[in-house]
Amino acid sequence: MTLTLDLTADLEHRLIVEAGRRGVSPDRFVVQVLEENLPANDRREQFSALLQSWLEEDPEEQKDTFEYLVRALDEDRPSQRKLFPSALKGISW
């Protein structure tokens, strides 16, 4: 899709400066801003994108955080049945 925008001189300047700071073209920067800020088509896709962005930030930290979350969810349950049984680690989660 091609989209034509009428930008003020100030907004155009800010766009060019920020795109340059990020090392991308102004067109690519606008697409990135739209991708980051427009809601996903569905909640599952949105959740998946959020998880993926967390993994890309610091995989080792996220591994530790995930393991903590799994332990916390399994410990704080009214049922004795674990959500994340160790026998299924690497198979279903």
PDB file of N, CA and C in Angstrom:
ATOM      1  N   MET A   1       0.848  -1.170   0.000  1.00  0.00           N
ATOM      2  CA  MET A   1       0.000   0.000   0.000  1.00  0.00           C
ATOM      3  C   MET A   1       0.893   1.233   0.000  1.00  0.00           C
ATOM      4  N   THR A   2       0.549   2.179  -0.795  1.00  0.00           N
ATOM      5  CA  THR A   2       1.252   3.452  -0.814  1.00  0.00           C
ATOM      6  C   THR A   2       0.370   4.477  -0.125  1.00  0.00           C
ATOM      7  N   LEU A   3       0.982   5.243   0.759  1.00  0.00           N
ATOM      8  CA  LEU A   3       0.250   6.226   1.543  1.00  0.00           C
ATOM      9  C   LEU A   3       0.984   7.555   1.430  1.00  0.00           C
ATOM     10  N   THR A   4       0.262   8.623   1.137  1.00  0.00           N
ATOM     11  CA  THR A   4       0.851   9.950   1.046  1.00  0.00           C
ATOM     12  C   THR A   4       0.423  10.751   2.267  1.00  0.00           C
ATOM     13  N   LEU A   5       1.409  11.314   2.966  1.00  0.00           N
ATOM     14  CA  LEU A   5       1.122  12.091   4.171  1.00  0.00           C
ATOM     15  C   LEU A   5       1.576  13.527   3.977  1.00  0.00           C
ATOM     16  N   ASP A   6       0.780  14.468   4.440  1.00  0.00           N
ATOM     17  CA  ASP A   6       1.167  15.872   4.449  1.00  0.00           C
ATOM     18  C   ASP A   6       1.691  16.190   5.842  1.00  0.00           C
ATOM     19  N   LEU A   7       3.012  16.326   5.944  1.00  0.00           N
ATOM     20  CA  LEU A   7       3.653  16.582   7.228  1.00  0.00           C
ATOM     21  C   LEU A   7       4.056  18.042   7.332  1.00  0.00           C
ATOM     22  N   THR A   8       3.992  18.564   8.535  1.00  0.00           N
ATOM     23  CA  THR A   8       4.531  19.904   8.753  1.00  0.00           C
ATOM     24  C   THR A   8       6.045  19.824   8.604  1.00  0.00           C
ATOM     25  N   ALA A   9       6.668  20.955   8.385  1.00  0.00           N
ATOM     26  CA  ALA A   9       8.128  20.977   8.231  1.00  0.00           C
ATOM     27  C   ALA A   9       8.802  20.448   9.496  1.00  0.00           C
ATOM     28  N   ASP A  10       8.262  20.816  10.653  1.00  0.00           N
ATOM     29  CA  ASP A  10       8.842  20.354  11.921  1.00  0.00           C
ATOM     30  C   ASP A  10       8.723  18.834  12.058  1.00  0.00           C
ATOM     31  N   LEU A  11       7.552  18.289  11.764  1.00  0.00           N
ATOM     32  CA  LEU A  11       7.351  16.850  11.878  1.00  0.00           C
ATOM     33  C   LEU A  11       8.233  16.093  10.882  1.00  0.00           C
ATOM     34  N   GLU A  12       8.346  16.616   9.672  1.00  0.00           N
ATOM     35  CA  GLU A  12       9.221  15.984   8.680  1.00  0.00           C
ATOM     36  C   GLU A  12      10.669  15.973   9.170  1.00  0.00           C
ATOM     37  N   HIS A  13      11.116  17.077   9.724  1.00  0.00           N
ATOM     38  CA  HIS A  13      12.485  17.161  10.247  1.00  0.00           C
ATOM     39  C   HIS A  13      12.698  16.158  11.383  1.00  0.00           C
ATOM     40  N   ARG A  14      11.752  16.103  12.318  1.00  0.00           N
ATOM     41  CA  ARG A  14      11.863  15.159  13.433  1.00  0.00           C
ATOM     42  C   ARG A  14      11.890  13.719  12.934  1.00  0.00           C
ATOM     43  N   LEU A  15      11.075  13.413  11.930  1.00  0.00           N
ATOM     44  CA  LEU A  15      11.045  12.071  11.342  1.00  0.00           C
ATOM     45  C   LEU A  15      12.392  11.722  10.723  1.00  0.00           C
ATOM     46  N   ILE A  16      12.940  12.617   9.971  1.00  0.00           N
ATOM     47  CA  ILE A  16      14.229  12.374   9.308  1.00  0.00           C
ATOM     48  C   ILE A  16      15.344  12.201  10.337  1.00  0.00           C
ATOM     49  N   VAL A  17      15.359  13.031  11.364  1.00  0.00           N
ATOM     50  CA  VAL A  17      16.383  12.948  12.407  1.00  0.00           C
ATOM     51  C   VAL A  17      16.276  11.625  13.155  1.00  0.00           C
ATOM     52  N   GLU A  18      15.059  11.246  13.564  1.00  0.00           N
ATOM     53  CA  GLU A  18      14.894  10.010  14.332  1.00  0.00           C
ATOM     54  C   GLU A  18      15.203   8.778  13.483  1.00  0.00           C
ATOM     55  N   ALA A  19      14.790   8.788  12.237  1.00  0.00           N
ATOM     56  CA  ALA A  19      15.103   7.661  11.344  1.00  0.00           C
ATOM     57  C   ALA A  19      16.623   7.542  11.186  1.00  0.00           C
ATOM     58  N   GLY A  20      17.297   8.664  11.017  1.00  0.00           N
ATOM     59  CA  GLY A  20      18.751   8.657  10.894  1.00  0.00           C
ATOM     60  C   GLY A  20      19.416   8.158  12.164  1.00  0.00           C
ATOM     61  N   ARG A  21      18.879   8.554  13.305  1.00  0.00           N
ATOM     62  CA  ARG A  21      19.431   8.113  14.586  1.00  0.00           C
ATOM     63  C   ARG A  21      19.322   6.604  14.729  1.00  0.00           C
ATOM     64  N   ARG A  22      18.256   6.042  14.175  1.00  0.00           N
ATOM     65  CA  ARG A  22      18.042   4.596  14.255  1.00  0.00           C
ATOM     66  C   ARG A  22      18.681   3.832  13.094  1.00  0.00           C
ATOM     67  N   GLY A  23      19.224   4.565  12.139  1.00  0.00           N
ATOM     68  CA  GLY A  23      19.915   3.923  11.025  1.00  0.00           C
ATOM     69  C   GLY A  23      18.998   3.310   9.984  1.00  0.00           C
ATOM     70  N   VAL A  24      17.794   3.858   9.846  1.00  0.00           N
ATOM     71  CA  VAL A  24      16.857   3.359   8.839  1.00  0.00           C
ATOM     72  C   VAL A  24      16.336   4.534   8.018  1.00  0.00           C
ATOM     73  N   SER A  25      15.734   4.216   6.896  1.00  0.00           N
ATOM     74  CA  SER A  25      15.147   5.269   6.071  1.00  0.00           C
ATOM     75  C   SER A  25      13.891   5.805   6.754  1.00  0.00           C
ATOM     76  N   PRO A  26      13.495   7.032   6.447  1.00  0.00           N
ATOM     77  CA  PRO A  26      12.254   7.562   7.022  1.00  0.00           C
ATOM     78  C   PRO A  26      11.044   6.667   6.725  1.00  0.00           C
ATOM     79  N   ASP A  27      10.975   6.109   5.513  1.00  0.00           N
ATOM     80  CA  ASP A  27       9.861   5.213   5.171  1.00  0.00           C
ATOM     81  C   ASP A  27       9.839   4.002   6.093  1.00  0.00           C
ATOM     82  N   ARG A  28      11.005   3.375   6.277  1.00  0.00           N
ATOM     83  CA  ARG A  28      11.085   2.183   7.128  1.00  0.00           C
ATOM     84  C   ARG A  28      10.763   2.523   8.581  1.00  0.00           C
ATOM     85  N   PHE A  29      11.214   3.687   9.029  1.00  0.00           N
ATOM     86  CA  PHE A  29      10.932   4.106  10.399  1.00  0.00           C
ATOM     87  C   PHE A  29       9.424   4.274  10.618  1.00  0.00           C
ATOM     88  N   VAL A  30       8.730   4.871   9.666  1.00  0.00           N
ATOM     89  CA  VAL A  30       7.281   5.040   9.791  1.00  0.00           C
ATOM     90  C   VAL A  30       6.598   3.676   9.869  1.00  0.00           C
ATOM     91  N   VAL A  31       7.040   2.720   9.059  1.00  0.00           N
ATOM     92  CA  VAL A  31       6.466   1.370   9.099  1.00  0.00           C
ATOM     93  C   VAL A  31       6.720   0.742  10.472  1.00  0.00           C
ATOM     94  N   GLN A  32       7.922   0.897  11.011  1.00  0.00           N
ATOM     95  CA  GLN A  32       8.235   0.352  12.334  1.00  0.00           C
ATOM     96  C   GLN A  32       7.331   0.955  13.413  1.00  0.00           C
ATOM     97  N   VAL A  33       7.125   2.259  13.354  1.00  0.00           N
ATOM     98  CA  VAL A  33       6.260   2.926  14.335  1.00  0.00           C
ATOM     99  C   VAL A  33       4.837   2.387  14.233  1.00  0.00           C
ATOM    100  N   LEU A  34       4.355   2.197  13.018  1.00  0.00           N
ATOM    101  CA  LEU A  34       3.005   1.653  12.837  1.00  0.00           C
ATOM    102  C   LEU A  34       2.915   0.218  13.352  1.00  0.00           C
ATOM    103  N   GLU A  35       3.913  -0.598  13.043  1.00  0.00           N
ATOM    104  CA  GLU A  35       3.899  -1.993  13.512  1.00  0.00           C
ATOM    105  C   GLU A  35       3.903  -2.075  15.031  1.00  0.00           C
ATOM    106  N   GLU A  36       4.653  -1.186  15.670  1.00  0.00           N
ATOM    107  CA  GLU A  36       4.753  -1.200  17.128  1.00  0.00           C
ATOM    108  C   GLU A  36       3.507  -0.660  17.814  1.00  0.00           C
ATOM    109  N   ASN A  37       2.761   0.187  17.135  1.00  0.00           N
ATOM    110  CA  ASN A  37       1.669   0.890  17.813  1.00  0.00           C
ATOM    111  C   ASN A  37       0.262   0.523  17.369  1.00  0.00           C
ATOM    112  N   LEU A  38       0.115  -0.097  16.219  1.00  0.00           N
ATOM    113  CA  LEU A  38      -1.221  -0.522  15.803  1.00  0.00           C
ATOM    114  C   LEU A  38      -1.558  -1.843  16.478  1.00  0.00           C
ATOM    115  N   PRO A  39      -2.803  -2.004  16.914  1.00  0.00           N
ATOM    116  CA  PRO A  39      -3.166  -3.271  17.553  1.00  0.00           C
ATOM    117  C   PRO A  39      -3.069  -4.425  16.558  1.00  0.00           C
ATOM    118  N   ALA A  40      -2.699  -5.584  17.083  1.00  0.00           N
ATOM    119  CA  ALA A  40      -2.612  -6.783  16.251  1.00  0.00           C
ATOM    120  C   ALA A  40      -4.013  -7.206  15.828  1.00  0.00           C
ATOM    121  N   ASN A  41      -4.077  -8.077  14.832  1.00  0.00           N
ATOM    122  CA  ASN A  41      -5.359  -8.554  14.336  1.00  0.00           C
ATOM    123  C   ASN A  41      -6.151  -9.304  15.390  1.00  0.00           C
ATOM    124  N   ASP A  42      -5.462 -10.048  16.218  1.00  0.00           N
ATOM    125  CA  ASP A  42      -6.159 -10.750  17.288  1.00  0.00           C
ATOM    126  C   ASP A  42      -5.260 -10.808  18.519  1.00  0.00           C
ATOM    127  N   ARG A  43      -5.840 -11.138  19.637  1.00  0.00           N
ATOM    128  CA  ARG A  43      -5.104 -11.125  20.904  1.00  0.00           C
ATOM    129  C   ARG A  43      -3.982 -12.159  20.923  1.00  0.00           C
ATOM    130  N   ARG A  44      -4.189 -13.296  20.300  1.00  0.00           N
ATOM    131  CA  ARG A  44      -3.157 -14.328  20.280  1.00  0.00           C
ATOM    132  C   ARG A  44      -1.924 -13.820  19.531  1.00  0.00           C
ATOM    133  N   GLU A  45      -2.142 -13.184  18.401  1.00  0.00           N
ATOM    134  CA  GLU A  45      -1.038 -12.644  17.617  1.00  0.00           C
ATOM    135  C   GLU A  45      -0.322 -11.539  18.401  1.00  0.00           C
ATOM    136  N   GLN A  46      -1.090 -10.708  19.080  1.00  0.00           N
ATOM    137  CA  GLN A  46      -0.524  -9.632  19.881  1.00  0.00           C
ATOM    138  C   GLN A  46       0.315 -10.202  21.034  1.00  0.00           C
ATOM    139  N   PHE A  47      -0.203 -11.205  21.703  1.00  0.00           N
ATOM    140  CA  PHE A  47       0.516 -11.838  22.812  1.00  0.00           C
ATOM    141  C   PHE A  47       1.800 -12.498  22.317  1.00  0.00           C
ATOM    142  N   SER A  48       1.707 -13.173  21.187  1.00  0.00           N
ATOM    143  CA  SER A  48       2.874 -13.829  20.612  1.00  0.00           C
ATOM    144  C   SER A  48       3.961 -12.805  20.268  1.00  0.00           C
ATOM    145  N   ALA A  49       3.560 -11.678  19.702  1.00  0.00           N
ATOM    146  CA  ALA A  49       4.528 -10.637  19.358  1.00  0.00           C
ATOM    147  C   ALA A  49       5.178 -10.054  20.609  1.00  0.00           C
ATOM    148  N   LEU A  50       4.395  -9.890  21.673  1.00  0.00           N
ATOM    149  CA  LEU A  50       4.940  -9.381  22.923  1.00  0.00           C
ATOM    150  C   LEU A  50       5.969 -10.353  23.502  1.00  0.00           C
ATOM    151  N   LEU A  51       5.634 -11.636  23.551  1.00  0.00           N
ATOM    152  CA  LEU A  51       6.576 -12.635  24.059  1.00  0.00           C
ATOM    153  C   LEU A  51       7.849 -12.661  23.221  1.00  0.00           C
ATOM    154  N   GLN A  52       7.692 -12.598  21.910  1.00  0.00           N
ATOM    155  CA  GLN A  52       8.859 -12.621  21.035  1.00  0.00           C
ATOM    156  C   GLN A  52       9.751 -11.414  21.280  1.00  0.00           C
ATOM    157  N   SER A  53       9.156 -10.243  21.489  1.00  0.00           N
ATOM    158  CA  SER A  53       9.964  -9.044  21.748  1.00  0.00           C
ATOM    159  C   SER A  53      10.726  -9.179  23.059  1.00  0.00           C
ATOM    160  N   TRP A  54      10.122  -9.811  24.060  1.00  0.00           N
ATOM    161  CA  TRP A  54      10.817 -10.032  25.331  1.00  0.00           C
ATOM    162  C   TRP A  54      11.992 -10.981  25.139  1.00  0.00           C
ATOM    163  N   LEU A  55      11.795 -12.034  24.355  1.00  0.00           N
ATOM    164  CA  LEU A  55      12.875 -12.998  24.126  1.00  0.00           C
ATOM    165  C   LEU A  55      14.050 -12.363  23.396  1.00  0.00           C
ATOM    166  N   GLU A  56      13.754 -11.452  22.501  1.00  0.00           N
ATOM    167  CA  GLU A  56      14.814 -10.823  21.721  1.00  0.00           C
ATOM    168  C   GLU A  56      15.633  -9.838  22.559  1.00  0.00           C
ATOM    169  N   GLU A  57      15.051  -9.307  23.641  1.00  0.00           N
ATOM    170  CA  GLU A  57      15.764  -8.343  24.472  1.00  0.00           C
ATOM    171  C   GLU A  57      16.961  -8.982  25.169  1.00  0.00           C
ATOM    172  N   ASP A  58      16.743 -10.040  25.929  1.00  0.00           N
ATOM    173  CA  ASP A  58      17.806 -10.703  26.679  1.00  0.00           C
ATOM    174  C   ASP A  58      17.377 -12.144  26.931  1.00  0.00           C
ATOM    175  N   PRO A  59      17.734 -13.055  26.037  1.00  0.00           N
ATOM    176  CA  PRO A  59      17.253 -14.432  26.148  1.00  0.00           C
ATOM    177  C   PRO A  59      17.570 -15.101  27.483  1.00  0.00           C
ATOM    178  N   GLU A  60      18.737 -14.875  28.042  1.00  0.00           N
ATOM    179  CA  GLU A  60      19.088 -15.530  29.301  1.00  0.00           C
ATOM    180  C   GLU A  60      18.230 -15.010  30.450  1.00  0.00           C
ATOM    181  N   GLU A  61      18.039 -13.712  30.493  1.00  0.00           N
ATOM    182  CA  GLU A  61      17.184 -13.140  31.540  1.00  0.00           C
ATOM    183  C   GLU A  61      15.754 -13.646  31.396  1.00  0.00           C
ATOM    184  N   GLN A  62      15.285 -13.737  30.164  1.00  0.00           N
ATOM    185  CA  GLN A  62      13.918 -14.194  29.943  1.00  0.00           C
ATOM    186  C   GLN A  62      13.760 -15.666  30.314  1.00  0.00           C
ATOM    187  N   LYS A  63      14.808 -16.461  30.113  1.00  0.00           N
ATOM    188  CA  LYS A  63      14.756 -17.866  30.524  1.00  0.00           C
ATOM    189  C   LYS A  63      14.588 -17.955  32.033  1.00  0.00           C
ATOM    190  N   ASP A  64      15.356 -17.154  32.759  1.00  0.00           N
ATOM    191  CA  ASP A  64      15.247 -17.134  34.221  1.00  0.00           C
ATOM    192  C   ASP A  64      13.863 -16.661  34.653  1.00  0.00           C
ATOM    193  N   THR A  65      13.364 -15.627  34.002  1.00  0.00           N
ATOM    194  CA  THR A  65      12.035 -15.098  34.336  1.00  0.00           C
ATOM    195  C   THR A  65      10.957 -16.135  34.058  1.00  0.00           C
ATOM    196  N   PHE A  66      11.072 -16.840  32.938  1.00  0.00           N
ATOM    197  CA  PHE A  66      10.089 -17.861  32.597  1.00  0.00           C
ATOM    198  C   PHE A  66      10.099 -18.987  33.629  1.00  0.00           C
ATOM    199  N   GLU A  67      11.281 -19.423  34.017  1.00  0.00           N
ATOM    200  CA  GLU A  67      11.369 -20.490  35.013  1.00  0.00           C
ATOM    201  C   GLU A  67      10.770 -20.053  36.349  1.00  0.00           C
ATOM    202  N   TYR A  68      10.991 -18.803  36.727  1.00  0.00           N
ATOM    203  CA  TYR A  68      10.379 -18.276  37.948  1.00  0.00           C
ATOM    204  C   TYR A  68       8.856 -18.262  37.818  1.00  0.00           C
ATOM    205  N   LEU A  69       8.357 -17.808  36.665  1.00  0.00           N
ATOM    206  CA  LEU A  69       6.908 -17.757  36.424  1.00  0.00           C
ATOM    207  C   LEU A  69       6.293 -19.151  36.500  1.00  0.00           C
ATOM    208  N   VAL A  70       6.935 -20.134  35.902  1.00  0.00           N
ATOM    209  CA  VAL A  70       6.442 -21.514  35.935  1.00  0.00           C
ATOM    210  C   VAL A  70       6.361 -22.005  37.382  1.00  0.00           C
ATOM    211  N   ARG A  71       7.416 -21.773  38.152  1.00  0.00           N
ATOM    212  CA  ARG A  71       7.402 -22.192  39.564  1.00  0.00           C
ATOM    213  C   ARG A  71       6.288 -21.492  40.335  1.00  0.00           C
ATOM    214  N   ALA A  72       6.161 -20.182  40.117  1.00  0.00           N
ATOM    215  CA  ALA A  72       5.147 -19.416  40.848  1.00  0.00           C
ATOM    216  C   ALA A  72       3.733 -19.874  40.489  1.00  0.00           C
ATOM    217  N   LEU A  73       3.488 -20.135  39.229  1.00  0.00           N
ATOM    218  CA  LEU A  73       2.152 -20.598  38.815  1.00  0.00           C
ATOM    219  C   LEU A  73       1.850 -21.981  39.377  1.00  0.00           C
ATOM    220  N   ASP A  74       2.842 -22.836  39.418  1.00  0.00           N
ATOM    221  CA  ASP A  74       2.624 -24.180  39.963  1.00  0.00           C
ATOM    222  C   ASP A  74       2.452 -24.167  41.480  1.00  0.00           C
ATOM    223  N   GLU A  75       3.131 -23.244  42.161  1.00  0.00           N
ATOM    224  CA  GLU A  75       3.033 -23.189  43.625  1.00  0.00           C
ATOM    225  C   GLU A  75       1.731 -22.561  44.098  1.00  0.00           C
ATOM    226  N   ASP A  76       1.230 -21.584  43.387  1.00  0.00           N
ATOM    227  CA  ASP A  76       0.053 -20.828  43.826  1.00  0.00           C
ATOM    228  C   ASP A  76      -1.200 -21.326  43.100  1.00  0.00           C
ATOM    229  N   ARG A  77      -1.568 -22.577  43.387  1.00  0.00           N
ATOM    230  CA  ARG A  77      -2.741 -23.167  42.739  1.00  0.00           C
ATOM    231  C   ARG A  77      -3.620 -23.827  43.797  1.00  0.00           C
ATOM    232  N   PRO A  78      -4.922 -23.698  43.630  1.00  0.00           N
ATOM    233  CA  PRO A  78      -5.810 -24.392  44.569  1.00  0.00           C
ATOM    234  C   PRO A  78      -5.764 -25.910  44.369  1.00  0.00           C
ATOM    235  N   SER A  79      -5.377 -26.335  43.186  1.00  0.00           N
ATOM    236  CA  SER A  79      -5.286 -27.759  42.871  1.00  0.00           C
ATOM    237  C   SER A  79      -3.855 -28.236  43.089  1.00  0.00           C
ATOM    238  N   GLN A  80      -3.688 -29.499  43.361  1.00  0.00           N
ATOM    239  CA  GLN A  80      -2.348 -30.082  43.501  1.00  0.00           C
ATOM    240  C   GLN A  80      -1.738 -30.398  42.131  1.00  0.00           C
ATOM    241  N   ARG A  81      -2.582 -30.408  41.104  1.00  0.00           N
ATOM    242  CA  ARG A  81      -2.123 -30.700  39.747  1.00  0.00           C
ATOM    243  C   ARG A  81      -1.306 -29.522  39.216  1.00  0.00           C
ATOM    244  N   LYS A  82      -0.096 -29.781  38.788  1.00  0.00           N
ATOM    245  CA  LYS A  82       0.772 -28.726  38.276  1.00  0.00           C
ATOM    246  C   LYS A  82       0.414 -28.389  36.837  1.00  0.00           C
ATOM    247  N   LEU A  83       0.507 -27.100  36.525  1.00  0.00           N
ATOM    248  CA  LEU A  83       0.307 -26.665  35.145  1.00  0.00           C
ATOM    249  C   LEU A  83       1.495 -27.050  34.272  1.00  0.00           C
ATOM    250  N   PHE A  84       2.669 -27.077  34.877  1.00  0.00           N
ATOM    251  CA  PHE A  84       3.904 -27.318  34.147  1.00  0.00           C
ATOM    252  C   PHE A  84       4.666 -28.485  34.783  1.00  0.00           C
ATOM    253  N   PRO A  85       4.199 -29.722  34.599  1.00  0.00           N
ATOM    254  CA  PRO A  85       4.899 -30.861  35.193  1.00  0.00           C
ATOM    255  C   PRO A  85       6.284 -31.027  34.567  1.00  0.00           C
ATOM    256  N   SER A  86       7.262 -31.322  35.399  1.00  0.00           N
ATOM    257  CA  SER A  86       8.640 -31.436  34.919  1.00  0.00           C
ATOM    258  C   SER A  86       8.800 -32.527  33.848  1.00  0.00           C
ATOM    259  N   ALA A  87       7.940 -33.551  33.889  1.00  0.00           N
ATOM    260  CA  ALA A  87       8.031 -34.624  32.894  1.00  0.00           C
ATOM    261  C   ALA A  87       7.713 -34.123  31.483  1.00  0.00           C
ATOM    262  N   LEU A  88       6.997 -33.006  31.370  1.00  0.00           N
ATOM    263  CA  LEU A  88       6.636 -32.486  30.046  1.00  0.00           C
ATOM    264  C   LEU A  88       7.508 -31.307  29.605  1.00  0.00           C
ATOM    265  N   LYS A  89       8.516 -30.954  30.421  1.00  0.00           N
ATOM    266  CA  LYS A  89       9.401 -29.858  30.045  1.00  0.00           C
ATOM    267  C   LYS A  89      10.115 -30.202  28.735  1.00  0.00           C
ATOM    268  N   GLY A  90      10.066 -29.284  27.801  1.00  0.00           N
ATOM    269  CA  GLY A  90      10.677 -29.513  26.503  1.00  0.00           C
ATOM    270  C   GLY A  90       9.768 -30.218  25.522  1.00  0.00           C
ATOM    271  N   ILE A  91       8.622 -30.686  26.009  1.00  0.00           N
ATOM    272  CA  ILE A  91       7.667 -31.372  25.128  1.00  0.00           C
ATOM    273  C   ILE A  91       6.472 -30.447  24.861  1.00  0.00           C
ATOM    274  N   SER A  92       5.832 -30.021  25.949  1.00  0.00           N
ATOM    275  CA  SER A  92       4.648 -29.174  25.769  1.00  0.00           C
ATOM    276  C   SER A  92       4.850 -27.741  26.244  1.00  0.00           C
ATOM    277  N   TRP A  93       5.986 -27.457  26.843  1.00  0.00           N
ATOM    278  CA  TRP A  93       6.284 -26.075  27.256  1.00  0.00           C
ATOM    279  C   TRP A  93       7.766 -25.831  27.303  1.00  0.00           C
TER     280      TRP A  93
END
